[in-house]
Each structure stands twice: as structure tokens, then as C-alpha cells.
Amino acid sequence: MYVALWNLLPGPRWIKLLQILVLLSVTILLLFQWVFPWATEYFNLTGNTVE
């Protein structure tokens, strides 16, 4: 999967690395901004079940 992504990106090796770092940063930002808050609201991930 990573090889396919690497081969799809245009440019030399250093530009591909820069593009992958940007894509990874955007993915992490989206997860922390929208996905994780949504998951805690619907799945009660902050509750403690161990007494």
C-alpha cells in the first residue's frame, strides 16, 4: 500500500517525502479536529469501568 502511494506521487524522492509528510500531517489534524471528538461523543470513551 505504501509503495503504491509512493509510486503515485509525482516528482523526485525529496518532493515525494515532503508530500507524504504533508498528507500525514493533514490526516492527523483531521483526526484530532473532527473524528476523535465525534467518537468520544457517541462511544463514551472517557468513562471508567474499573473500580
PDB file of N, CA and C in Angstrom:
ATOM      1  N   MET A   1       0.830  -1.189   0.000  1.00  0.00           N
ATOM      2  CA  MET A   1       0.000   0.000   0.000  1.00  0.00           C
ATOM      3  C   MET A   1       0.871   1.248   0.000  1.00  0.00           C
ATOM      4  N   TYR A   2       1.912   1.260   0.795  1.00  0.00           N
ATOM      5  CA  TYR A   2       2.781   2.424   0.853  1.00  0.00           C
ATOM      6  C   TYR A   2       3.576   2.580  -0.436  1.00  0.00           C
ATOM      7  N   VAL A   3       3.934   1.465  -1.040  1.00  0.00           N
ATOM      8  CA  VAL A   3       4.666   1.513  -2.310  1.00  0.00           C
ATOM      9  C   VAL A   3       3.773   2.087  -3.406  1.00  0.00           C
ATOM     10  N   ALA A   4       2.502   1.715  -3.406  1.00  0.00           N
ATOM     11  CA  ALA A   4       1.572   2.245  -4.401  1.00  0.00           C
ATOM     12  C   ALA A   4       1.416   3.758  -4.218  1.00  0.00           C
ATOM     13  N   LEU A   5       1.306   4.227  -2.974  1.00  0.00           N
ATOM     14  CA  LEU A   5       1.211   5.666  -2.714  1.00  0.00           C
ATOM     15  C   LEU A   5       2.493   6.365  -3.157  1.00  0.00           C
ATOM     16  N   TRP A   6       3.624   5.768  -2.868  1.00  0.00           N
ATOM     17  CA  TRP A   6       4.917   6.348  -3.238  1.00  0.00           C
ATOM     18  C   TRP A   6       5.025   6.468  -4.754  1.00  0.00           C
ATOM     19  N   ASN A   7       4.572   5.451  -5.472  1.00  0.00           N
ATOM     20  CA  ASN A   7       4.663   5.472  -6.930  1.00  0.00           C
ATOM     21  C   ASN A   7       3.666   6.432  -7.569  1.00  0.00           C
ATOM     22  N   LEU A   8       2.545   6.714  -6.915  1.00  0.00           N
ATOM     23  CA  LEU A   8       1.562   7.636  -7.473  1.00  0.00           C
ATOM     24  C   LEU A   8       1.977   9.094  -7.359  1.00  0.00           C
ATOM     25  N   LEU A   9       2.783   9.424  -6.386  1.00  0.00           N
ATOM     26  CA  LEU A   9       3.181  10.813  -6.166  1.00  0.00           C
ATOM     27  C   LEU A   9       4.195  11.256  -7.228  1.00  0.00           C
ATOM     28  N   PRO A  10       4.032  12.468  -7.755  1.00  0.00           N
ATOM     29  CA  PRO A  10       4.962  12.961  -8.782  1.00  0.00           C
ATOM     30  C   PRO A  10       6.217  13.557  -8.167  1.00  0.00           C
ATOM     31  N   GLY A  11       7.264  13.622  -8.959  1.00  0.00           N
ATOM     32  CA  GLY A  11       8.472  14.325  -8.564  1.00  0.00           C
ATOM     33  C   GLY A  11       9.582  13.415  -8.089  1.00  0.00           C
ATOM     34  N   PRO A  12      10.711  14.042  -7.780  1.00  0.00           N
ATOM     35  CA  PRO A  12      11.846  13.278  -7.256  1.00  0.00           C
ATOM     36  C   PRO A  12      11.600  12.825  -5.821  1.00  0.00           C
ATOM     37  N   ARG A  13      12.555  12.108  -5.304  1.00  0.00           N
ATOM     38  CA  ARG A  13      12.406  11.472  -3.990  1.00  0.00           C
ATOM     39  C   ARG A  13      12.138  12.470  -2.865  1.00  0.00           C
ATOM     40  N   TRP A  14      12.831  13.608  -2.865  1.00  0.00           N
ATOM     41  CA  TRP A  14      12.651  14.567  -1.762  1.00  0.00           C
ATOM     42  C   TRP A  14      11.292  15.247  -1.817  1.00  0.00           C
ATOM     43  N   ILE A  15      10.748  15.440  -3.019  1.00  0.00           N
ATOM     44  CA  ILE A  15       9.412  16.029  -3.122  1.00  0.00           C
ATOM     45  C   ILE A  15       8.356  15.019  -2.685  1.00  0.00           C
ATOM     46  N   LYS A  16       8.558  13.752  -3.029  1.00  0.00           N
ATOM     47  CA  LYS A  16       7.625  12.710  -2.581  1.00  0.00           C
ATOM     48  C   LYS A  16       7.605  12.623  -1.060  1.00  0.00           C
ATOM     49  N   LEU A  17       8.767  12.709  -0.445  1.00  0.00           N
ATOM     50  CA  LEU A  17       8.852  12.667   1.012  1.00  0.00           C
ATOM     51  C   LEU A  17       8.131  13.863   1.629  1.00  0.00           C
ATOM     52  N   LEU A  18       8.310  15.035   1.050  1.00  0.00           N
ATOM     53  CA  LEU A  18       7.627  16.231   1.534  1.00  0.00           C
ATOM     54  C   LEU A  18       6.110  16.090   1.386  1.00  0.00           C
ATOM     55  N   GLN A  19       5.648  15.554   0.265  1.00  0.00           N
ATOM     56  CA  GLN A  19       4.219  15.360   0.045  1.00  0.00           C
ATOM     57  C   GLN A  19       3.636  14.367   1.042  1.00  0.00           C
ATOM     58  N   ILE A  20       4.353  13.303   1.327  1.00  0.00           N
ATOM     59  CA  ILE A  20       3.869  12.315   2.292  1.00  0.00           C
ATOM     60  C   ILE A  20       3.805  12.917   3.690  1.00  0.00           C
ATOM     61  N   LEU A  21       4.781  13.742   4.064  1.00  0.00           N
ATOM     62  CA  LEU A  21       4.747  14.395   5.370  1.00  0.00           C
ATOM     63  C   LEU A  21       3.560  15.354   5.481  1.00  0.00           C
ATOM     64  N   VAL A  22       3.255  16.073   4.415  1.00  0.00           N
ATOM     65  CA  VAL A  22       2.101  16.980   4.421  1.00  0.00           C
ATOM     66  C   VAL A  22       0.812  16.176   4.530  1.00  0.00           C
ATOM     67  N   LEU A  23       0.686  15.095   3.756  1.00  0.00           N
ATOM     68  CA  LEU A  23      -0.513  14.254   3.822  1.00  0.00           C
ATOM     69  C   LEU A  23      -0.696  13.649   5.206  1.00  0.00           C
ATOM     70  N   LEU A  24       0.376  13.209   5.813  1.00  0.00           N
ATOM     71  CA  LEU A  24       0.310  12.646   7.159  1.00  0.00           C
ATOM     72  C   LEU A  24      -0.106  13.710   8.177  1.00  0.00           C
ATOM     73  N   SER A  25       0.431  14.905   8.050  1.00  0.00           N
ATOM     74  CA  SER A  25       0.071  15.992   8.969  1.00  0.00           C
ATOM     75  C   SER A  25      -1.402  16.380   8.834  1.00  0.00           C
ATOM     76  N   VAL A  26      -1.890  16.448   7.606  1.00  0.00           N
ATOM     77  CA  VAL A  26      -3.300  16.789   7.388  1.00  0.00           C
ATOM     78  C   VAL A  26      -4.202  15.698   7.938  1.00  0.00           C
ATOM     79  N   THR A  27      -3.821  14.446   7.756  1.00  0.00           N
ATOM     80  CA  THR A  27      -4.610  13.334   8.284  1.00  0.00           C
ATOM     81  C   THR A  27      -4.689  13.387   9.802  1.00  0.00           C
ATOM     82  N   ILE A  28      -3.573  13.632  10.463  1.00  0.00           N
ATOM     83  CA  ILE A  28      -3.556  13.725  11.925  1.00  0.00           C
ATOM     84  C   ILE A  28      -4.390  14.917  12.394  1.00  0.00           C
ATOM     85  N   LEU A  29      -4.291  16.044  11.699  1.00  0.00           N
ATOM     86  CA  LEU A  29      -5.091  17.213  12.051  1.00  0.00           C
ATOM     87  C   LEU A  29      -6.578  16.920  11.927  1.00  0.00           C
ATOM     88  N   LEU A  30      -6.993  16.285  10.842  1.00  0.00           N
ATOM     89  CA  LEU A  30      -8.407  15.942  10.665  1.00  0.00           C
ATOM     90  C   LEU A  30      -8.894  14.984  11.744  1.00  0.00           C
ATOM     91  N   LEU A  31      -8.071  14.026  12.116  1.00  0.00           N
ATOM     92  CA  LEU A  31      -8.465  13.090  13.169  1.00  0.00           C
ATOM     93  C   LEU A  31      -8.686  13.811  14.493  1.00  0.00           C
ATOM     94  N   PHE A  32      -7.762  14.686  14.867  1.00  0.00           N
ATOM     95  CA  PHE A  32      -7.884  15.369  16.153  1.00  0.00           C
ATOM     96  C   PHE A  32      -8.975  16.438  16.160  1.00  0.00           C
ATOM     97  N   GLN A  33      -9.256  17.050  15.014  1.00  0.00           N
ATOM     98  CA  GLN A  33     -10.254  18.110  14.965  1.00  0.00           C
ATOM     99  C   GLN A  33     -11.682  17.590  14.887  1.00  0.00           C
ATOM    100  N   TRP A  34     -11.904  16.505  14.125  1.00  0.00           N
ATOM    101  CA  TRP A  34     -13.284  16.080  13.886  1.00  0.00           C
ATOM    102  C   TRP A  34     -13.581  14.638  14.269  1.00  0.00           C
ATOM    103  N   VAL A  35     -12.722  13.711  13.987  1.00  0.00           N
ATOM    104  CA  VAL A  35     -13.040  12.292  14.197  1.00  0.00           C
ATOM    105  C   VAL A  35     -13.009  11.928  15.679  1.00  0.00           C
ATOM    106  N   PHE A  36     -11.954  12.278  16.388  1.00  0.00           N
ATOM    107  CA  PHE A  36     -11.859  11.901  17.793  1.00  0.00           C
ATOM    108  C   PHE A  36     -12.932  12.559  18.665  1.00  0.00           C
ATOM    109  N   PRO A  37     -13.241  13.861  18.484  1.00  0.00           N
ATOM    110  CA  PRO A  37     -14.351  14.433  19.264  1.00  0.00           C
ATOM    111  C   PRO A  37     -15.691  13.759  18.956  1.00  0.00           C
ATOM    112  N   TRP A  38     -15.932  13.435  17.702  1.00  0.00           N
ATOM    113  CA  TRP A  38     -17.162  12.729  17.336  1.00  0.00           C
ATOM    114  C   TRP A  38     -17.218  11.364  18.007  1.00  0.00           C
ATOM    115  N   ALA A  39     -16.103  10.649  18.032  1.00  0.00           N
ATOM    116  CA  ALA A  39     -16.072   9.311  18.628  1.00  0.00           C
ATOM    117  C   ALA A  39     -16.302   9.368  20.137  1.00  0.00           C
ATOM    118  N   THR A  40     -15.739  10.345  20.824  1.00  0.00           N
ATOM    119  CA  THR A  40     -15.956  10.427  22.274  1.00  0.00           C
ATOM    120  C   THR A  40     -17.398  10.787  22.595  1.00  0.00           C
ATOM    121  N   GLU A  41     -18.041  11.547  21.731  1.00  0.00           N
ATOM    122  CA  GLU A  41     -19.441  11.916  21.958  1.00  0.00           C
ATOM    123  C   GLU A  41     -20.371  10.707  21.812  1.00  0.00           C
ATOM    124  N   TYR A  42     -20.112   9.851  20.855  1.00  0.00           N
ATOM    125  CA  TYR A  42     -21.027   8.749  20.564  1.00  0.00           C
ATOM    126  C   TYR A  42     -20.656   7.425  21.240  1.00  0.00           C
ATOM    127  N   PHE A  43     -19.401   7.221  21.615  1.00  0.00           N
ATOM    128  CA  PHE A  43     -18.979   5.929  22.142  1.00  0.00           C
ATOM    129  C   PHE A  43     -18.586   5.953  23.611  1.00  0.00           C
ATOM    130  N   ASN A  44     -18.691   7.067  24.287  1.00  0.00           N
ATOM    131  CA  ASN A  44     -18.375   7.181  25.708  1.00  0.00           C
ATOM    132  C   ASN A  44     -16.988   6.633  26.014  1.00  0.00           C
ATOM    133  N   LEU A  45     -15.993   7.162  25.364  1.00  0.00           N
ATOM    134  CA  LEU A  45     -14.625   6.692  25.537  1.00  0.00           C
ATOM    135  C   LEU A  45     -13.959   7.235  26.768  1.00  0.00           C
ATOM    136  N   THR A  46     -14.569   8.188  27.449  1.00  0.00           N
ATOM    137  CA  THR A  46     -13.957   8.766  28.643  1.00  0.00           C
ATOM    138  C   THR A  46     -14.450   8.107  29.914  1.00  0.00           C
ATOM    139  N   GLY A  47     -15.405   7.193  29.816  1.00  0.00           N
ATOM    140  CA  GLY A  47     -15.940   6.531  31.002  1.00  0.00           C
ATOM    141  C   GLY A  47     -14.982   5.496  31.552  1.00  0.00           C
ATOM    142  N   ASN A  48     -14.963   5.374  32.867  1.00  0.00           N
ATOM    143  CA  ASN A  48     -14.095   4.414  33.531  1.00  0.00           C
ATOM    144  C   ASN A  48     -14.939   3.234  34.008  1.00  0.00           C
ATOM    145  N   THR A  49     -14.559   2.005  33.679  1.00  0.00           N
ATOM    146  CA  THR A  49     -15.344   0.842  34.076  1.00  0.00           C
ATOM    147  C   THR A  49     -14.647   0.006  35.134  1.00  0.00           C
ATOM    148  N   VAL A  50     -13.433   0.339  35.516  1.00  0.00           N
ATOM    149  CA  VAL A  50     -12.693  -0.418  36.521  1.00  0.00           C
ATOM    150  C   VAL A  50     -12.856   0.275  37.861  1.00  0.00           C
ATOM    151  N   GLU A  51     -13.239  -0.492  38.869  1.00  0.00           N
ATOM    152  CA  GLU A  51     -13.413   0.116  40.191  1.00  0.00           C
ATOM    153  C   GLU A  51     -12.281  -0.260  41.112  1.00  0.00           C
TER     154      GLU A  51
END
